[in-house]
Structure formats: structure tokens, C-alpha cells
Amino acid sequence: MLIKVLFKNGKQERVTPKYLDHLINLQQVARFERTEGWITPGLDPTRAMKSKPYRGRERRTTW
């Protein structure tokens, strides 16, 4: 599956999800398209904006 990307320099192309993550980390992406519409990294939530891991007490029950 390829994702439509609009670069900060105005260029537009389709890239793989893995390469999109790399481009977002390099801050080269202005917007990219999801099924629900265009996403702007830094404004809209993305996988690159993962929250910090939970550091509290384990609350799940182990059987």
C-alpha cells in the first residue's frame, strides 16, 4: 500500500508506510493522506507521536 505525501517543497508522491515514518522523523512531510482525509504531522496525531510507555504499577490480572 502506498500513501500519498505532500512534501514541504511542494512535491507530491506516493511512498510506503515505513518510508513515510522516516520522512516524518526527518520533518520533510507537509501533509499525507489517510482514508479520513489529509493529516498534518505535528498538528494531527500520527504514529510518530507515540506517547511515553506506561511506568505505573501493573494492573492487569495474570491467570
C-alpha atoms as a PDB file:
ATOM      1  CA  MET A   1       0.000   0.000   0.000  1.00  0.00           C
ATOM      2  CA  LEU A   2       1.373   3.405  -0.957  1.00  0.00           C
ATOM      3  CA  ILE A   3       0.458   6.648   0.813  1.00  0.00           C
ATOM      4  CA  LYS A   4       0.101   9.994  -0.941  1.00  0.00           C
ATOM      5  CA  VAL A   5       2.534  12.534   0.551  1.00  0.00           C
ATOM      6  CA  LEU A   6       2.893  16.270   0.042  1.00  0.00           C
ATOM      7  CA  PHE A   7       6.450  17.366   0.843  1.00  0.00           C
ATOM      8  CA  LYS A   8       7.344  20.754   2.323  1.00  0.00           C
ATOM      9  CA  ASN A   9       8.991  21.666  -1.011  1.00  0.00           C
ATOM     10  CA  GLY A  10       5.624  21.201  -2.800  1.00  0.00           C
ATOM     11  CA  LYS A  11       6.494  17.890  -4.448  1.00  0.00           C
ATOM     12  CA  GLN A  12       3.872  15.142  -4.207  1.00  0.00           C
ATOM     13  CA  GLU A  13       4.400  11.377  -4.469  1.00  0.00           C
ATOM     14  CA  ARG A  14       3.331   8.019  -3.061  1.00  0.00           C
ATOM     15  CA  VAL A  15       5.550   6.237  -0.517  1.00  0.00           C
ATOM     16  CA  THR A  16       5.482   3.104   1.646  1.00  0.00           C
ATOM     17  CA  PRO A  17       4.325   3.400   5.280  1.00  0.00           C
ATOM     18  CA  LYS A  18       7.860   2.651   6.544  1.00  0.00           C
ATOM     19  CA  TYR A  19       9.361   5.384   4.357  1.00  0.00           C
ATOM     20  CA  LEU A  20       6.604   7.793   5.453  1.00  0.00           C
ATOM     21  CA  ASP A  21       7.626   7.252   9.103  1.00  0.00           C
ATOM     22  CA  HIS A  22      11.218   8.028   8.125  1.00  0.00           C
ATOM     23  CA  LEU A  23      10.195  11.198   6.251  1.00  0.00           C
ATOM     24  CA  ILE A  24       8.060  12.385   9.182  1.00  0.00           C
ATOM     25  CA  ASN A  25      11.020  11.896  11.546  1.00  0.00           C
ATOM     26  CA  LEU A  26      13.154  13.989   9.171  1.00  0.00           C
ATOM     27  CA  GLN A  27      10.389  16.651   9.168  1.00  0.00           C
ATOM     28  CA  GLN A  28      10.149  16.642   5.368  1.00  0.00           C
ATOM     29  CA  VAL A  29       6.388  15.988   5.151  1.00  0.00           C
ATOM     30  CA  ALA A  30       3.880  18.839   4.982  1.00  0.00           C
ATOM     31  CA  ARG A  31       0.837  16.526   4.769  1.00  0.00           C
ATOM     32  CA  PHE A  32      -0.097  12.953   3.958  1.00  0.00           C
ATOM     33  CA  GLU A  33      -3.394  11.346   3.066  1.00  0.00           C
ATOM     34  CA  ARG A  34      -5.378   8.831   5.120  1.00  0.00           C
ATOM     35  CA  THR A  35      -8.804   7.426   4.316  1.00  0.00           C
ATOM     36  CA  GLU A  36     -10.402  10.106   6.543  1.00  0.00           C
ATOM     37  CA  GLY A  37      -8.506  12.941   4.827  1.00  0.00           C
ATOM     38  CA  TRP A  38      -5.227  14.819   4.880  1.00  0.00           C
ATOM     39  CA  ILE A  39      -3.066  14.707   8.032  1.00  0.00           C
ATOM     40  CA  THR A  40      -0.536  17.354   9.061  1.00  0.00           C
ATOM     41  CA  PRO A  41       2.316  15.959  11.196  1.00  0.00           C
ATOM     42  CA  GLY A  42       2.714  17.976  14.386  1.00  0.00           C
ATOM     43  CA  LEU A  43      -0.943  19.046  14.363  1.00  0.00           C
ATOM     44  CA  ASP A  44      -2.801  15.769  13.866  1.00  0.00           C
ATOM     45  CA  PRO A  45      -1.942  12.574  15.777  1.00  0.00           C
ATOM     46  CA  THR A  46       0.429  10.184  13.968  1.00  0.00           C
ATOM     47  CA  ARG A  47       2.300   7.008  14.880  1.00  0.00           C
ATOM     48  CA  ALA A  48       5.447   9.094  15.139  1.00  0.00           C
ATOM     49  CA  MET A  49       3.828  10.948  18.057  1.00  0.00           C
ATOM     50  CA  LYS A  50       3.597   7.866  20.288  1.00  0.00           C
ATOM     51  CA  SER A  51       3.110   8.556  23.964  1.00  0.00           C
ATOM     52  CA  LYS A  52       5.671   7.505  26.549  1.00  0.00           C
ATOM     53  CA  PRO A  53       5.383   3.937  27.861  1.00  0.00           C
ATOM     54  CA  TYR A  54       3.305   3.379  30.987  1.00  0.00           C
ATOM     55  CA  ARG A  55       5.544   3.374  34.078  1.00  0.00           C
ATOM     56  CA  GLY A  56       2.927   2.745  36.777  1.00  0.00           C
ATOM     57  CA  ARG A  57       2.022  -0.383  38.724  1.00  0.00           C
ATOM     58  CA  GLU A  58       0.822  -3.348  36.648  1.00  0.00           C
ATOM     59  CA  ARG A  59      -2.982  -3.519  36.953  1.00  0.00           C
ATOM     60  CA  ARG A  60      -3.778  -6.385  34.613  1.00  0.00           C
ATOM     61  CA  THR A  61      -4.743  -9.686  36.166  1.00  0.00           C
ATOM     62  CA  THR A  62      -2.482 -12.618  35.452  1.00  0.00           C
ATOM     63  CA  TRP A  63      -4.093 -16.042  35.476  1.00  0.00           C
END
